[in-house]
Amino acid sequence: MSLTPEDIHYKKFQPTKFREGYDQEEVDAFLDEIIVELRRLNQENEDLRQRLLASDGRIAELQRSPGALTGSLPTSDIATSITNPGAAFPEALTDAQVNEPNNTNNLLQLARKLHDEHVREGIAKRDALIAEGQATAARLLRETEAQQRSDLSRLEQEKALLEHSIQELRQYERDYRASIRSFIEAQLRDLETPTAPPASPQGILG
């Protein structure tokens, strides 16, 4: 059964009848500290879970839209090269060369090459972002699980100590009751045993 701050807050211990046991104020103060720590850890776990969900959402978005990055790549260079070759390559081309079919084909090939390079760069960036997101998500998950294991182990140890203390108190109570019962039974036996009357003075003198 998982232990919550409310479980600790509303836990009631039965007072002992024959001795005080531990200082009630110290026990209450210690339980208050445990409640504060549990709430802080729960908040940290919730924050880490939200960060993990955000990373998963980002990864899913990138995986659903493989063209999101490549679609935003600059294509003005390609359009300028096709529609106005002389402006794109003013030094390399002359007016006569632009009018030649071979040079036009060369421009188209250069434009396609430039486009392919942009696409490859976009895919590489997308893959890098996905890999980074997955690595971050895995790291956050490992850190969260490690923190939870550490916290649970510490709380289990504290719980075991408290249970051991309770067992000791219960054993003390049983021993104390047994000793009281033995004492009372001994007193009752003494009361039930008749005592001999004291001898008279004449009997003593003979």
N, C-alpha and C. Protein backbone atom coordinates (compact mmCIF):
# COMPACT_ATOMS: atom_id res chain seq x y z
N MET A 1 0.85 -1.19 0.00
CA MET A 1 0.00 0.00 0.00
C MET A 1 0.89 1.24 0.00
N SER A 2 0.62 2.21 -0.91
CA SER A 2 1.43 3.42 -0.99
C SER A 2 1.11 4.33 0.18
N LEU A 3 2.13 5.05 0.64
CA LEU A 3 2.00 5.94 1.78
C LEU A 3 1.88 7.37 1.27
N THR A 4 0.84 8.07 1.68
CA THR A 4 0.61 9.45 1.26
C THR A 4 0.76 10.37 2.46
N PRO A 5 0.98 11.69 2.22
CA PRO A 5 1.05 12.62 3.35
C PRO A 5 -0.22 12.60 4.19
N GLU A 6 -1.38 12.39 3.55
CA GLU A 6 -2.63 12.36 4.31
C GLU A 6 -2.67 11.15 5.25
N ASP A 7 -2.11 10.01 4.80
CA ASP A 7 -2.08 8.83 5.67
C ASP A 7 -1.32 9.11 6.95
N ILE A 8 -0.18 9.80 6.80
CA ILE A 8 0.63 10.13 7.98
C ILE A 8 -0.08 11.17 8.84
N HIS A 9 -0.68 12.17 8.16
CA HIS A 9 -1.31 13.27 8.90
C HIS A 9 -2.46 12.77 9.77
N TYR A 10 -3.26 11.85 9.26
CA TYR A 10 -4.44 11.39 9.98
C TYR A 10 -4.21 10.09 10.76
N LYS A 11 -2.99 9.60 10.79
CA LYS A 11 -2.69 8.39 11.55
C LYS A 11 -2.82 8.67 13.04
N LYS A 12 -3.56 7.83 13.74
CA LYS A 12 -3.77 7.98 15.17
C LYS A 12 -3.20 6.77 15.90
N PHE A 13 -2.39 7.03 16.92
CA PHE A 13 -1.83 5.97 17.74
C PHE A 13 -2.60 5.92 19.07
N GLN A 14 -2.88 4.71 19.51
CA GLN A 14 -3.57 4.54 20.78
C GLN A 14 -2.60 4.81 21.93
N PRO A 15 -2.96 5.66 22.86
CA PRO A 15 -2.05 5.92 23.99
C PRO A 15 -1.94 4.70 24.90
N THR A 16 -0.76 4.54 25.47
CA THR A 16 -0.57 3.42 26.41
C THR A 16 -1.24 3.76 27.74
N LYS A 17 -1.59 2.71 28.48
CA LYS A 17 -2.31 2.92 29.73
C LYS A 17 -1.38 3.05 30.93
N PHE A 18 -0.19 2.48 30.82
CA PHE A 18 0.67 2.40 32.01
C PHE A 18 1.92 3.26 31.91
N ARG A 19 2.25 3.77 30.74
CA ARG A 19 3.42 4.66 30.63
C ARG A 19 3.20 5.59 29.45
N GLU A 20 3.92 6.68 29.45
CA GLU A 20 3.78 7.69 28.41
C GLU A 20 4.30 7.22 27.06
N GLY A 21 5.38 6.43 27.04
CA GLY A 21 6.01 6.06 25.75
C GLY A 21 6.86 7.23 25.24
N TYR A 22 6.88 7.41 23.94
CA TYR A 22 7.65 8.51 23.37
C TYR A 22 6.95 9.84 23.63
N ASP A 23 7.75 10.91 23.57
CA ASP A 23 7.20 12.25 23.72
C ASP A 23 6.24 12.52 22.56
N GLN A 24 4.98 12.78 22.88
CA GLN A 24 3.97 12.95 21.83
C GLN A 24 4.30 14.13 20.93
N GLU A 25 4.82 15.23 21.49
CA GLU A 25 5.15 16.40 20.68
C GLU A 25 6.29 16.10 19.71
N GLU A 26 7.29 15.33 20.16
CA GLU A 26 8.39 14.97 19.27
C GLU A 26 7.90 14.07 18.14
N VAL A 27 7.04 13.12 18.47
CA VAL A 27 6.49 12.24 17.43
C VAL A 27 5.70 13.05 16.41
N ASP A 28 4.85 13.97 16.89
CA ASP A 28 4.05 14.80 15.98
C ASP A 28 4.94 15.67 15.10
N ALA A 29 6.00 16.25 15.70
CA ALA A 29 6.90 17.09 14.91
C ALA A 29 7.61 16.29 13.84
N PHE A 30 8.03 15.07 14.21
CA PHE A 30 8.70 14.23 13.21
C PHE A 30 7.75 13.84 12.08
N LEU A 31 6.53 13.49 12.42
CA LEU A 31 5.55 13.16 11.38
C LEU A 31 5.25 14.36 10.49
N ASP A 32 5.23 15.57 11.06
CA ASP A 32 5.03 16.78 10.25
C ASP A 32 6.16 16.95 9.25
N GLU A 33 7.40 16.69 9.69
CA GLU A 33 8.54 16.78 8.77
C GLU A 33 8.41 15.77 7.63
N ILE A 34 7.96 14.56 7.96
CA ILE A 34 7.77 13.54 6.92
C ILE A 34 6.71 13.99 5.92
N ILE A 35 5.62 14.60 6.41
CA ILE A 35 4.55 15.07 5.52
C ILE A 35 5.08 16.13 4.56
N VAL A 36 5.84 17.10 5.10
CA VAL A 36 6.39 18.16 4.25
C VAL A 36 7.31 17.58 3.18
N GLU A 37 8.16 16.64 3.58
CA GLU A 37 9.10 16.03 2.63
C GLU A 37 8.36 15.24 1.56
N LEU A 38 7.34 14.49 1.96
CA LEU A 38 6.56 13.72 0.98
C LEU A 38 5.88 14.64 -0.03
N ARG A 39 5.31 15.74 0.45
CA ARG A 39 4.65 16.67 -0.47
C ARG A 39 5.66 17.31 -1.43
N ARG A 40 6.85 17.63 -0.92
CA ARG A 40 7.87 18.21 -1.80
C ARG A 40 8.29 17.22 -2.87
N LEU A 41 8.48 15.96 -2.47
CA LEU A 41 8.89 14.94 -3.44
C LEU A 41 7.79 14.68 -4.46
N ASN A 42 6.54 14.68 -4.01
CA ASN A 42 5.44 14.50 -4.96
C ASN A 42 5.39 15.63 -5.97
N GLN A 43 5.65 16.89 -5.51
CA GLN A 43 5.66 18.02 -6.44
C GLN A 43 6.80 17.92 -7.43
N GLU A 44 7.99 17.50 -6.95
CA GLU A 44 9.12 17.33 -7.86
C GLU A 44 8.83 16.25 -8.90
N ASN A 45 8.23 15.15 -8.45
CA ASN A 45 7.89 14.09 -9.40
C ASN A 45 6.88 14.57 -10.43
N GLU A 46 5.92 15.40 -9.99
CA GLU A 46 4.93 15.92 -10.94
C GLU A 46 5.58 16.86 -11.95
N ASP A 47 6.53 17.71 -11.48
CA ASP A 47 7.23 18.60 -12.41
C ASP A 47 8.03 17.80 -13.43
N LEU A 48 8.73 16.78 -12.97
CA LEU A 48 9.50 15.95 -13.90
C LEU A 48 8.59 15.23 -14.88
N ARG A 49 7.43 14.80 -14.39
CA ARG A 49 6.49 14.11 -15.29
C ARG A 49 5.97 15.06 -16.36
N GLN A 50 5.69 16.33 -15.99
CA GLN A 50 5.24 17.30 -16.98
C GLN A 50 6.32 17.59 -18.01
N ARG A 51 7.58 17.69 -17.55
CA ARG A 51 8.67 17.92 -18.50
C ARG A 51 8.83 16.73 -19.44
N LEU A 52 8.65 15.54 -18.92
CA LEU A 52 8.75 14.35 -19.76
C LEU A 52 7.62 14.31 -20.78
N LEU A 53 6.41 14.67 -20.36
CA LEU A 53 5.29 14.71 -21.30
C LEU A 53 5.51 15.74 -22.39
N ALA A 54 6.10 16.90 -22.01
CA ALA A 54 6.38 17.93 -23.01
C ALA A 54 7.41 17.43 -24.03
N SER A 55 8.43 16.73 -23.55
CA SER A 55 9.44 16.18 -24.47
C SER A 55 8.82 15.14 -25.38
N ASP A 56 7.96 14.28 -24.82
CA ASP A 56 7.29 13.28 -25.66
C ASP A 56 6.42 13.94 -26.72
N GLY A 57 5.73 15.02 -26.32
CA GLY A 57 4.89 15.72 -27.29
C GLY A 57 5.70 16.34 -28.41
N ARG A 58 6.87 16.89 -28.06
CA ARG A 58 7.72 17.49 -29.08
C ARG A 58 8.24 16.43 -30.04
N ILE A 59 8.63 15.28 -29.49
CA ILE A 59 9.13 14.19 -30.34
C ILE A 59 8.02 13.70 -31.26
N ALA A 60 6.82 13.54 -30.71
CA ALA A 60 5.71 13.07 -31.54
C ALA A 60 5.38 14.07 -32.65
N GLU A 61 5.47 15.36 -32.32
CA GLU A 61 5.19 16.38 -33.33
C GLU A 61 6.20 16.32 -34.48
N LEU A 62 7.47 16.15 -34.13
CA LEU A 62 8.49 16.06 -35.17
C LEU A 62 8.32 14.80 -36.01
N GLN A 63 7.95 13.70 -35.35
CA GLN A 63 7.77 12.46 -36.10
C GLN A 63 6.54 12.51 -37.00
N ARG A 64 5.49 13.22 -36.59
CA ARG A 64 4.29 13.33 -37.42
C ARG A 64 4.49 14.26 -38.61
N SER A 65 5.40 15.23 -38.49
CA SER A 65 5.61 16.22 -39.56
C SER A 65 7.04 16.17 -40.04
N PRO A 66 7.40 15.15 -40.82
CA PRO A 66 8.79 15.05 -41.29
C PRO A 66 9.18 16.20 -42.20
N GLY A 67 8.20 16.87 -42.82
CA GLY A 67 8.53 17.98 -43.71
C GLY A 67 8.41 19.32 -43.07
N ALA A 68 8.21 19.35 -41.71
CA ALA A 68 8.03 20.64 -41.05
C ALA A 68 9.26 21.50 -41.15
N LEU A 69 10.43 20.86 -41.04
CA LEU A 69 11.67 21.62 -41.13
C LEU A 69 12.05 21.93 -42.56
N THR A 70 11.92 20.93 -43.42
CA THR A 70 12.33 21.13 -44.81
C THR A 70 11.41 22.10 -45.51
N GLY A 71 10.12 22.16 -45.11
CA GLY A 71 9.20 23.06 -45.78
C GLY A 71 9.49 24.50 -45.48
N SER A 72 10.20 24.78 -44.38
CA SER A 72 10.52 26.16 -44.02
C SER A 72 11.90 26.58 -44.49
N LEU A 73 12.58 25.74 -45.24
CA LEU A 73 13.92 26.08 -45.69
C LEU A 73 13.84 27.17 -46.76
N PRO A 74 14.84 28.04 -46.86
CA PRO A 74 14.81 29.12 -47.85
C PRO A 74 14.90 28.57 -49.26
N THR A 75 13.95 29.01 -50.09
CA THR A 75 13.94 28.60 -51.51
C THR A 75 14.07 29.80 -52.43
N SER A 76 14.34 30.98 -51.86
CA SER A 76 14.45 32.17 -52.71
C SER A 76 15.62 32.06 -53.67
N ASP A 77 16.70 31.40 -53.22
CA ASP A 77 17.86 31.25 -54.11
C ASP A 77 17.50 30.41 -55.32
N ILE A 78 16.69 29.36 -55.07
CA ILE A 78 16.31 28.48 -56.18
C ILE A 78 15.42 29.23 -57.16
N ALA A 79 14.41 29.97 -56.62
CA ALA A 79 13.51 30.69 -57.50
C ALA A 79 14.24 31.76 -58.29
N THR A 80 15.17 32.45 -57.65
CA THR A 80 15.93 33.48 -58.36
C THR A 80 16.78 32.88 -59.46
N SER A 81 17.38 31.71 -59.18
CA SER A 81 18.23 31.09 -60.18
C SER A 81 17.45 30.67 -61.40
N ILE A 82 16.18 30.23 -61.19
CA ILE A 82 15.39 29.75 -62.32
C ILE A 82 14.78 30.91 -63.09
N THR A 83 14.18 31.88 -62.38
CA THR A 83 13.47 32.97 -63.05
C THR A 83 14.40 34.06 -63.55
N ASN A 84 15.54 34.23 -62.90
CA ASN A 84 16.48 35.29 -63.30
C ASN A 84 17.89 34.76 -63.19
N PRO A 85 18.31 33.92 -64.11
CA PRO A 85 19.63 33.30 -64.01
C PRO A 85 20.75 34.32 -63.99
N GLY A 86 20.60 35.40 -64.73
CA GLY A 86 21.68 36.39 -64.78
C GLY A 86 21.91 37.05 -63.46
N ALA A 87 20.84 37.24 -62.67
CA ALA A 87 21.01 37.85 -61.36
C ALA A 87 21.64 36.90 -60.37
N ALA A 88 21.36 35.61 -60.51
CA ALA A 88 21.91 34.62 -59.59
C ALA A 88 23.38 34.37 -59.84
N PHE A 89 23.80 34.38 -61.09
CA PHE A 89 25.20 34.12 -61.45
C PHE A 89 25.69 35.24 -62.38
N PRO A 90 25.87 36.48 -61.89
CA PRO A 90 26.22 37.59 -62.78
C PRO A 90 27.60 37.47 -63.37
N GLU A 91 28.54 36.89 -62.65
CA GLU A 91 29.90 36.84 -63.16
C GLU A 91 30.15 35.61 -64.00
N ALA A 92 29.46 34.51 -63.68
CA ALA A 92 29.75 33.25 -64.37
C ALA A 92 29.04 33.15 -65.70
N LEU A 93 27.91 33.89 -65.89
CA LEU A 93 27.12 33.74 -67.09
C LEU A 93 27.02 35.07 -67.83
N THR A 94 26.95 34.98 -69.14
CA THR A 94 26.73 36.15 -70.00
C THR A 94 25.35 36.06 -70.59
N ASP A 95 24.91 37.13 -71.21
CA ASP A 95 23.58 37.13 -71.83
C ASP A 95 23.47 36.06 -72.90
N ALA A 96 24.51 35.84 -73.64
CA ALA A 96 24.46 34.84 -74.70
C ALA A 96 24.38 33.43 -74.11
N GLN A 97 25.09 33.23 -73.02
CA GLN A 97 25.08 31.89 -72.42
C GLN A 97 23.73 31.58 -71.79
N VAL A 98 23.07 32.59 -71.24
CA VAL A 98 21.78 32.36 -70.62
C VAL A 98 20.78 31.88 -71.66
N ASN A 99 20.89 32.37 -72.83
CA ASN A 99 19.94 32.00 -73.88
C ASN A 99 20.20 30.62 -74.45
N GLU A 100 21.28 30.02 -74.14
CA GLU A 100 21.58 28.70 -74.68
C GLU A 100 20.86 27.63 -73.87
N PRO A 101 20.28 26.63 -74.53
CA PRO A 101 19.55 25.57 -73.82
C PRO A 101 20.42 24.81 -72.84
N ASN A 102 21.66 24.55 -73.21
CA ASN A 102 22.54 23.79 -72.31
C ASN A 102 22.75 24.52 -70.98
N ASN A 103 22.95 25.83 -71.09
CA ASN A 103 23.16 26.60 -69.87
C ASN A 103 21.89 26.63 -69.01
N THR A 104 20.74 26.66 -69.66
CA THR A 104 19.49 26.61 -68.90
C THR A 104 19.36 25.29 -68.15
N ASN A 105 19.72 24.20 -68.82
CA ASN A 105 19.69 22.90 -68.15
C ASN A 105 20.66 22.86 -66.98
N ASN A 106 21.82 23.49 -67.18
CA ASN A 106 22.80 23.53 -66.08
C ASN A 106 22.23 24.28 -64.87
N LEU A 107 21.53 25.38 -65.15
CA LEU A 107 20.93 26.14 -64.05
C LEU A 107 19.89 25.32 -63.31
N LEU A 108 19.08 24.60 -64.08
CA LEU A 108 18.08 23.75 -63.44
C LEU A 108 18.72 22.66 -62.59
N GLN A 109 19.81 22.11 -63.09
CA GLN A 109 20.52 21.08 -62.33
C GLN A 109 21.10 21.66 -61.04
N LEU A 110 21.66 22.88 -61.15
CA LEU A 110 22.19 23.53 -59.95
C LEU A 110 21.07 23.83 -58.95
N ALA A 111 19.93 24.25 -59.48
CA ALA A 111 18.81 24.54 -58.59
C ALA A 111 18.34 23.28 -57.87
N ARG A 112 18.24 22.18 -58.63
CA ARG A 112 17.82 20.92 -58.01
C ARG A 112 18.85 20.46 -56.98
N LYS A 113 20.13 20.63 -57.31
CA LYS A 113 21.18 20.24 -56.37
C LYS A 113 21.09 21.05 -55.08
N LEU A 114 20.87 22.37 -55.25
CA LEU A 114 20.74 23.23 -54.07
C LEU A 114 19.53 22.83 -53.23
N HIS A 115 18.44 22.53 -53.91
CA HIS A 115 17.23 22.10 -53.20
C HIS A 115 17.48 20.80 -52.45
N ASP A 116 18.13 19.85 -53.11
CA ASP A 116 18.42 18.56 -52.45
C ASP A 116 19.30 18.75 -51.23
N GLU A 117 20.26 19.67 -51.33
CA GLU A 117 21.13 19.92 -50.18
C GLU A 117 20.33 20.49 -49.01
N HIS A 118 19.42 21.43 -49.33
CA HIS A 118 18.58 21.98 -48.26
C HIS A 118 17.71 20.90 -47.63
N VAL A 119 17.17 20.02 -48.45
CA VAL A 119 16.33 18.94 -47.93
C VAL A 119 17.15 18.03 -47.02
N ARG A 120 18.35 17.67 -47.46
CA ARG A 120 19.19 16.80 -46.64
C ARG A 120 19.54 17.47 -45.31
N GLU A 121 19.85 18.77 -45.38
CA GLU A 121 20.16 19.48 -44.13
C GLU A 121 18.94 19.51 -43.20
N GLY A 122 17.77 19.72 -43.78
CA GLY A 122 16.56 19.73 -42.96
C GLY A 122 16.30 18.38 -42.31
N ILE A 123 16.47 17.32 -43.08
CA ILE A 123 16.27 15.97 -42.53
C ILE A 123 17.28 15.69 -41.42
N ALA A 124 18.52 16.11 -41.66
CA ALA A 124 19.56 15.89 -40.64
C ALA A 124 19.23 16.65 -39.35
N LYS A 125 18.76 17.90 -39.50
CA LYS A 125 18.38 18.68 -38.32
C LYS A 125 17.19 18.04 -37.60
N ARG A 126 16.22 17.58 -38.39
CA ARG A 126 15.07 16.93 -37.78
C ARG A 126 15.49 15.69 -36.99
N ASP A 127 16.33 14.85 -37.62
CA ASP A 127 16.78 13.63 -36.95
C ASP A 127 17.58 13.96 -35.69
N ALA A 128 18.38 15.04 -35.78
CA ALA A 128 19.17 15.44 -34.60
C ALA A 128 18.26 15.89 -33.46
N LEU A 129 17.20 16.66 -33.80
CA LEU A 129 16.27 17.11 -32.78
C LEU A 129 15.52 15.93 -32.16
N ILE A 130 15.11 14.99 -32.99
CA ILE A 130 14.41 13.81 -32.47
C ILE A 130 15.32 13.02 -31.54
N ALA A 131 16.57 12.81 -31.98
CA ALA A 131 17.51 12.06 -31.15
C ALA A 131 17.78 12.78 -29.83
N GLU A 132 17.92 14.11 -29.90
CA GLU A 132 18.15 14.88 -28.68
C GLU A 132 16.95 14.80 -27.74
N GLY A 133 15.74 14.91 -28.32
CA GLY A 133 14.54 14.81 -27.50
C GLY A 133 14.40 13.44 -26.85
N GLN A 134 14.70 12.39 -27.62
CA GLN A 134 14.61 11.05 -27.05
C GLN A 134 15.65 10.85 -25.95
N ALA A 135 16.85 11.38 -26.17
CA ALA A 135 17.89 11.25 -25.14
C ALA A 135 17.50 12.01 -23.87
N THR A 136 16.93 13.21 -24.06
CA THR A 136 16.50 13.99 -22.90
C THR A 136 15.38 13.29 -22.15
N ALA A 137 14.42 12.75 -22.91
CA ALA A 137 13.31 12.03 -22.27
C ALA A 137 13.82 10.81 -21.50
N ALA A 138 14.75 10.07 -22.11
CA ALA A 138 15.30 8.89 -21.43
C ALA A 138 16.06 9.29 -20.16
N ARG A 139 16.82 10.39 -20.25
CA ARG A 139 17.58 10.84 -19.08
C ARG A 139 16.63 11.27 -17.96
N LEU A 140 15.60 12.04 -18.31
CA LEU A 140 14.64 12.47 -17.30
C LEU A 140 13.93 11.28 -16.67
N LEU A 141 13.62 10.29 -17.50
CA LEU A 141 12.96 9.10 -16.96
C LEU A 141 13.87 8.35 -16.00
N ARG A 142 15.15 8.21 -16.38
CA ARG A 142 16.10 7.54 -15.48
C ARG A 142 16.25 8.30 -14.17
N GLU A 143 16.37 9.64 -14.27
CA GLU A 143 16.53 10.43 -13.06
C GLU A 143 15.30 10.33 -12.17
N THR A 144 14.13 10.36 -12.80
CA THR A 144 12.89 10.27 -12.02
C THR A 144 12.79 8.92 -11.31
N GLU A 145 13.07 7.85 -12.05
CA GLU A 145 12.98 6.52 -11.45
C GLU A 145 14.01 6.35 -10.34
N ALA A 146 15.23 6.86 -10.56
CA ALA A 146 16.26 6.75 -9.53
C ALA A 146 15.86 7.53 -8.28
N GLN A 147 15.31 8.75 -8.48
CA GLN A 147 14.88 9.55 -7.34
C GLN A 147 13.74 8.87 -6.59
N GLN A 148 12.81 8.30 -7.33
CA GLN A 148 11.70 7.61 -6.69
C GLN A 148 12.18 6.39 -5.90
N ARG A 149 13.11 5.63 -6.48
CA ARG A 149 13.64 4.48 -5.75
C ARG A 149 14.34 4.91 -4.48
N SER A 150 15.12 5.99 -4.58
CA SER A 150 15.83 6.48 -3.40
C SER A 150 14.86 6.95 -2.32
N ASP A 151 13.85 7.70 -2.75
CA ASP A 151 12.87 8.20 -1.78
C ASP A 151 12.08 7.06 -1.14
N LEU A 152 11.66 6.12 -1.95
CA LEU A 152 10.91 4.99 -1.42
C LEU A 152 11.74 4.15 -0.45
N SER A 153 13.02 3.97 -0.79
CA SER A 153 13.90 3.21 0.09
C SER A 153 14.06 3.91 1.43
N ARG A 154 14.26 5.23 1.38
CA ARG A 154 14.42 5.98 2.62
C ARG A 154 13.15 5.94 3.46
N LEU A 155 12.00 6.11 2.80
CA LEU A 155 10.74 6.08 3.53
C LEU A 155 10.45 4.70 4.10
N GLU A 156 10.82 3.66 3.36
CA GLU A 156 10.63 2.30 3.88
C GLU A 156 11.49 2.08 5.12
N GLN A 157 12.71 2.61 5.11
CA GLN A 157 13.56 2.47 6.29
C GLN A 157 12.96 3.20 7.49
N GLU A 158 12.47 4.42 7.24
CA GLU A 158 11.85 5.17 8.33
C GLU A 158 10.60 4.45 8.83
N LYS A 159 9.84 3.90 7.91
CA LYS A 159 8.64 3.15 8.30
C LYS A 159 9.01 1.93 9.14
N ALA A 160 10.08 1.23 8.72
CA ALA A 160 10.52 0.05 9.47
C ALA A 160 10.95 0.44 10.89
N LEU A 161 11.65 1.57 11.01
CA LEU A 161 12.06 2.03 12.34
C LEU A 161 10.85 2.34 13.22
N LEU A 162 9.86 3.01 12.63
CA LEU A 162 8.66 3.32 13.40
C LEU A 162 7.92 2.05 13.81
N GLU A 163 7.81 1.10 12.89
CA GLU A 163 7.14 -0.15 13.22
C GLU A 163 7.89 -0.91 14.31
N HIS A 164 9.23 -0.87 14.24
CA HIS A 164 10.02 -1.53 15.28
C HIS A 164 9.79 -0.87 16.64
N SER A 165 9.73 0.45 16.64
CA SER A 165 9.47 1.15 17.90
C SER A 165 8.10 0.80 18.45
N ILE A 166 7.13 0.70 17.56
CA ILE A 166 5.78 0.34 18.01
C ILE A 166 5.76 -1.07 18.59
N GLN A 167 6.47 -2.00 17.95
CA GLN A 167 6.54 -3.36 18.47
C GLN A 167 7.20 -3.40 19.85
N GLU A 168 8.24 -2.59 20.01
CA GLU A 168 8.90 -2.54 21.32
C GLU A 168 7.94 -2.02 22.39
N LEU A 169 7.17 -0.99 22.04
CA LEU A 169 6.21 -0.45 23.00
C LEU A 169 5.14 -1.49 23.34
N ARG A 170 4.68 -2.20 22.33
CA ARG A 170 3.67 -3.23 22.60
C ARG A 170 4.23 -4.35 23.47
N GLN A 171 5.47 -4.75 23.24
CA GLN A 171 6.09 -5.78 24.06
C GLN A 171 6.27 -5.30 25.50
N TYR A 172 6.67 -4.04 25.64
CA TYR A 172 6.81 -3.47 26.98
C TYR A 172 5.46 -3.48 27.69
N GLU A 173 4.40 -3.12 26.93
CA GLU A 173 3.07 -3.11 27.54
C GLU A 173 2.66 -4.51 27.98
N ARG A 174 2.93 -5.52 27.16
CA ARG A 174 2.59 -6.90 27.54
C ARG A 174 3.37 -7.34 28.77
N ASP A 175 4.67 -7.04 28.78
CA ASP A 175 5.48 -7.42 29.94
C ASP A 175 5.01 -6.71 31.21
N TYR A 176 4.66 -5.45 31.05
CA TYR A 176 4.22 -4.68 32.21
C TYR A 176 2.91 -5.23 32.75
N ARG A 177 2.00 -5.55 31.86
CA ARG A 177 0.72 -6.12 32.30
C ARG A 177 0.92 -7.47 32.97
N ALA A 178 1.84 -8.28 32.42
CA ALA A 178 2.10 -9.59 33.02
C ALA A 178 2.67 -9.44 34.42
N SER A 179 3.57 -8.48 34.60
CA SER A 179 4.15 -8.28 35.93
C SER A 179 3.10 -7.78 36.91
N ILE A 180 2.22 -6.88 36.45
CA ILE A 180 1.14 -6.39 37.33
C ILE A 180 0.20 -7.53 37.70
N ARG A 181 -0.14 -8.38 36.74
CA ARG A 181 -1.03 -9.50 37.01
C ARG A 181 -0.40 -10.47 38.01
N SER A 182 0.89 -10.74 37.84
CA SER A 182 1.58 -11.64 38.77
C SER A 182 1.60 -11.06 40.18
N PHE A 183 1.83 -9.76 40.27
CA PHE A 183 1.86 -9.12 41.58
C PHE A 183 0.49 -9.20 42.26
N ILE A 184 -0.56 -8.92 41.48
CA ILE A 184 -1.91 -8.96 42.06
C ILE A 184 -2.28 -10.38 42.48
N GLU A 185 -1.95 -11.37 41.66
CA GLU A 185 -2.25 -12.75 42.01
C GLU A 185 -1.50 -13.17 43.27
N ALA A 186 -0.27 -12.73 43.40
CA ALA A 186 0.50 -13.06 44.61
C ALA A 186 -0.14 -12.43 45.85
N GLN A 187 -0.62 -11.18 45.70
CA GLN A 187 -1.27 -10.53 46.83
C GLN A 187 -2.57 -11.24 47.21
N LEU A 188 -3.30 -11.70 46.18
CA LEU A 188 -4.54 -12.43 46.46
C LEU A 188 -4.27 -13.75 47.17
N ARG A 189 -3.23 -14.44 46.77
CA ARG A 189 -2.88 -15.69 47.44
C ARG A 189 -2.51 -15.45 48.90
N ASP A 190 -1.79 -14.38 49.14
CA ASP A 190 -1.44 -14.06 50.52
C ASP A 190 -2.67 -13.78 51.36
N LEU A 191 -3.65 -13.11 50.75
CA LEU A 191 -4.87 -12.80 51.49
C LEU A 191 -5.69 -14.05 51.76
N GLU A 192 -5.68 -15.00 50.82
CA GLU A 192 -6.47 -16.22 50.99
C GLU A 192 -5.82 -17.22 51.94
N THR A 193 -4.55 -17.16 52.20
CA THR A 193 -3.85 -18.11 53.07
C THR A 193 -4.08 -17.71 54.53
N PRO A 194 -4.71 -18.59 55.35
CA PRO A 194 -4.95 -18.23 56.77
C PRO A 194 -3.65 -18.21 57.55
N THR A 195 -3.57 -17.30 58.45
CA THR A 195 -2.38 -17.20 59.30
C THR A 195 -2.70 -17.77 60.68
N ALA A 196 -1.72 -18.42 61.36
CA ALA A 196 -1.93 -19.02 62.70
C ALA A 196 -2.08 -17.93 63.74
N PRO A 197 -3.01 -18.09 64.72
CA PRO A 197 -3.18 -17.07 65.77
C PRO A 197 -1.95 -17.04 66.66
N PRO A 198 -1.63 -15.91 67.20
CA PRO A 198 -0.45 -15.83 68.08
C PRO A 198 -0.66 -16.63 69.37
N ALA A 199 0.38 -17.24 69.90
CA ALA A 199 0.30 -18.06 71.13
C ALA A 199 0.01 -17.18 72.34
N SER A 200 -0.79 -17.75 73.30
CA SER A 200 -1.12 -16.98 74.51
C SER A 200 0.07 -16.98 75.46
N PRO A 201 0.14 -16.01 76.34
CA PRO A 201 1.25 -15.97 77.31
C PRO A 201 1.28 -17.18 78.23
N GLN A 202 0.09 -17.71 78.66
CA GLN A 202 0.08 -18.86 79.55
C GLN A 202 0.66 -20.09 78.87
N GLY A 203 0.35 -20.25 77.62
CA GLY A 203 0.89 -21.41 76.90
C GLY A 203 2.39 -21.34 76.80
N ILE A 204 2.89 -20.15 76.69
CA ILE A 204 4.34 -19.99 76.57
C ILE A 204 5.03 -20.30 77.90
N LEU A 205 4.39 -19.85 79.06
CA LEU A 205 5.00 -20.05 80.37
C LEU A 205 4.85 -21.50 80.85
N GLY A 206 3.90 -22.24 80.30
CA GLY A 206 3.70 -23.65 80.65
C GLY A 206 3.00 -23.80 81.94
